[in-house]
Amino acid sequence: MQFLQDVKGSEIALHYLRTKDGKEIDFAIAKKDSLISCIEVKLSDEGISPHLRYFKEKIPDILALQLVHNARHDHIVNGVSLMRAGHWLAQLDA
């Protein structure tokens, strides 16, 4: 995030998202003060996080992504992408 801000001038920020009733997401990415992505990280649970599903339903335009270290394959369930963490991280570029 810092690289994107400093070098590319992107107005992007990394947050943690939690509701008053305890629903939480590990990472929330905002661009120009608008939420664009919610990312949940799991070690081996391949079921879609109910909290991630909740935020995707409330904000349908966001990218909802669950990264799972021990996932066998990537798939999409009701607009929520479940991806192998290592595969997704290897595709990142600065």
C-alpha atoms as a PDB file:
ATOM      1  CA  MET A   1       0.000   0.000   0.000  1.00  0.00           C
ATOM      2  CA  GLN A   2       2.742   2.422   0.927  1.00  0.00           C
ATOM      3  CA  PHE A   3       4.485   1.793  -2.413  1.00  0.00           C
ATOM      4  CA  LEU A   4       1.289   2.515  -4.318  1.00  0.00           C
ATOM      5  CA  GLN A   5       0.809   5.723  -2.361  1.00  0.00           C
ATOM      6  CA  ASP A   6       4.405   6.967  -2.570  1.00  0.00           C
ATOM      7  CA  VAL A   7       5.463   5.899  -6.055  1.00  0.00           C
ATOM      8  CA  LYS A   8       2.252   5.708  -8.040  1.00  0.00           C
ATOM      9  CA  GLY A   9       0.307   8.391  -6.198  1.00  0.00           C
ATOM     10  CA  SER A  10      -2.660   6.090  -5.593  1.00  0.00           C
ATOM     11  CA  GLU A  11      -5.152   7.195  -2.993  1.00  0.00           C
ATOM     12  CA  ILE A  12      -5.401   3.719  -1.473  1.00  0.00           C
ATOM     13  CA  ALA A  13      -5.603   2.616   2.153  1.00  0.00           C
ATOM     14  CA  LEU A  14      -5.637  -0.648   4.070  1.00  0.00           C
ATOM     15  CA  HIS A  15      -8.090  -1.077   6.937  1.00  0.00           C
ATOM     16  CA  TYR A  16      -9.670  -3.641   9.250  1.00  0.00           C
ATOM     17  CA  LEU A  17     -13.451  -3.851   9.082  1.00  0.00           C
ATOM     18  CA  ARG A  18     -15.734  -4.701  12.005  1.00  0.00           C
ATOM     19  CA  THR A  19     -19.405  -4.081  12.719  1.00  0.00           C
ATOM     20  CA  LYS A  20     -20.840  -3.223  16.129  1.00  0.00           C
ATOM     21  CA  ASP A  21     -22.182  -6.770  16.441  1.00  0.00           C
ATOM     22  CA  GLY A  22     -18.742  -8.340  15.845  1.00  0.00           C
ATOM     23  CA  LYS A  23     -18.713  -9.237  12.153  1.00  0.00           C
ATOM     24  CA  GLU A  24     -15.158  -8.656  10.989  1.00  0.00           C
ATOM     25  CA  ILE A  25     -12.961  -8.888   7.923  1.00  0.00           C
ATOM     26  CA  ASP A  26      -9.174  -9.199   8.031  1.00  0.00           C
ATOM     27  CA  PHE A  27      -8.416  -6.621   5.313  1.00  0.00           C
ATOM     28  CA  ALA A  28     -10.523  -3.881   3.746  1.00  0.00           C
ATOM     29  CA  ILE A  29      -9.009  -1.879   0.897  1.00  0.00           C
ATOM     30  CA  ALA A  30     -10.331   1.588   0.142  1.00  0.00           C
ATOM     31  CA  LYS A  31      -9.537   3.775  -2.837  1.00  0.00           C
ATOM     32  CA  LYS A  32     -10.408   7.464  -2.631  1.00  0.00           C
ATOM     33  CA  ASP A  33     -12.418   6.769   0.540  1.00  0.00           C
ATOM     34  CA  SER A  34     -14.583   4.091  -1.132  1.00  0.00           C
ATOM     35  CA  LEU A  35     -14.381   0.451  -0.140  1.00  0.00           C
ATOM     36  CA  ILE A  36     -13.214  -1.639  -3.113  1.00  0.00           C
ATOM     37  CA  SER A  37     -12.126  -4.976  -1.602  1.00  0.00           C
ATOM     38  CA  CYS A  38     -12.696  -7.166   1.427  1.00  0.00           C
ATOM     39  CA  ILE A  39     -10.208  -9.963   2.035  1.00  0.00           C
ATOM     40  CA  GLU A  40     -10.523 -12.752   4.584  1.00  0.00           C
ATOM     41  CA  VAL A  41      -7.555 -15.072   5.233  1.00  0.00           C
ATOM     42  CA  LYS A  42      -7.852 -18.670   6.456  1.00  0.00           C
ATOM     43  CA  LEU A  43      -5.421 -21.531   6.967  1.00  0.00           C
ATOM     44  CA  SER A  44      -7.555 -24.422   5.785  1.00  0.00           C
ATOM     45  CA  ASP A  45     -11.280 -23.616   5.947  1.00  0.00           C
ATOM     46  CA  GLU A  46     -12.692 -23.838   2.429  1.00  0.00           C
ATOM     47  CA  GLY A  47     -16.210 -22.786   3.441  1.00  0.00           C
ATOM     48  CA  ILE A  48     -16.968 -19.154   2.632  1.00  0.00           C
ATOM     49  CA  SER A  49     -16.752 -16.965   5.723  1.00  0.00           C
ATOM     50  CA  PRO A  50     -20.227 -15.828   6.841  1.00  0.00           C
ATOM     51  CA  HIS A  51     -18.779 -12.408   7.639  1.00  0.00           C
ATOM     52  CA  LEU A  52     -17.323 -12.022   4.162  1.00  0.00           C
ATOM     53  CA  ARG A  53     -20.626 -13.138   2.663  1.00  0.00           C
ATOM     54  CA  TYR A  54     -22.427 -10.543   4.861  1.00  0.00           C
ATOM     55  CA  PHE A  55     -20.252  -7.669   3.624  1.00  0.00           C
ATOM     56  CA  LYS A  56     -20.597  -8.797  -0.014  1.00  0.00           C
ATOM     57  CA  GLU A  57     -24.392  -8.746   0.359  1.00  0.00           C
ATOM     58  CA  LYS A  58     -24.330  -5.285   1.969  1.00  0.00           C
ATOM     59  CA  ILE A  59     -21.862  -3.832  -0.584  1.00  0.00           C
ATOM     60  CA  PRO A  60     -22.361  -5.834  -3.802  1.00  0.00           C
ATOM     61  CA  ASP A  61     -19.836  -3.843  -5.878  1.00  0.00           C
ATOM     62  CA  ILE A  62     -16.793  -4.807  -3.774  1.00  0.00           C
ATOM     63  CA  LEU A  63     -14.337  -7.554  -4.590  1.00  0.00           C
ATOM     64  CA  ALA A  64     -14.896 -10.193  -1.905  1.00  0.00           C
ATOM     65  CA  LEU A  65     -11.942 -12.552  -1.657  1.00  0.00           C
ATOM     66  CA  GLN A  66     -11.168 -15.375   0.747  1.00  0.00           C
ATOM     67  CA  LEU A  67      -7.561 -16.556   0.663  1.00  0.00           C
ATOM     68  CA  VAL A  68      -6.994 -20.081   1.954  1.00  0.00           C
ATOM     69  CA  HIS A  69      -3.501 -21.494   2.455  1.00  0.00           C
ATOM     70  CA  ASN A  70      -4.480 -25.159   2.148  1.00  0.00           C
ATOM     71  CA  ALA A  71      -7.229 -24.829  -0.489  1.00  0.00           C
ATOM     72  CA  ARG A  72      -7.333 -27.536  -3.139  1.00  0.00           C
ATOM     73  CA  HIS A  73      -8.741 -25.320  -5.899  1.00  0.00           C
ATOM     74  CA  ASP A  74     -10.065 -21.828  -6.636  1.00  0.00           C
ATOM     75  CA  HIS A  75     -13.774 -21.206  -7.041  1.00  0.00           C
ATOM     76  CA  ILE A  76     -16.497 -18.576  -6.743  1.00  0.00           C
ATOM     77  CA  VAL A  77     -19.604 -18.889  -4.547  1.00  0.00           C
ATOM     78  CA  ASN A  78     -22.315 -16.201  -4.777  1.00  0.00           C
ATOM     79  CA  GLY A  79     -19.845 -13.544  -5.900  1.00  0.00           C
ATOM     80  CA  VAL A  80     -17.201 -14.409  -3.285  1.00  0.00           C
ATOM     81  CA  SER A  81     -13.926 -15.716  -4.702  1.00  0.00           C
ATOM     82  CA  LEU A  82     -12.094 -18.402  -2.764  1.00  0.00           C
ATOM     83  CA  MET A  83      -8.480 -18.670  -3.891  1.00  0.00           C
ATOM     84  CA  ARG A  84      -5.350 -20.510  -2.889  1.00  0.00           C
ATOM     85  CA  ALA A  85      -3.366 -17.928  -0.932  1.00  0.00           C
ATOM     86  CA  GLY A  86       0.016 -18.792  -2.419  1.00  0.00           C
ATOM     87  CA  HIS A  87      -1.334 -18.643  -5.959  1.00  0.00           C
ATOM     88  CA  TRP A  88      -2.943 -15.227  -5.379  1.00  0.00           C
ATOM     89  CA  LEU A  89       0.111 -13.793  -3.617  1.00  0.00           C
ATOM     90  CA  ALA A  90       2.435 -14.974  -6.404  1.00  0.00           C
ATOM     91  CA  GLN A  91       0.417 -12.936  -8.902  1.00  0.00           C
ATOM     92  CA  LEU A  92       0.760  -9.647  -7.017  1.00  0.00           C
ATOM     93  CA  ASP A  93       2.903  -6.905  -8.422  1.00  0.00           C
ATOM     94  CA  ALA A  94       3.890  -3.585  -6.927  1.00  0.00           C
END
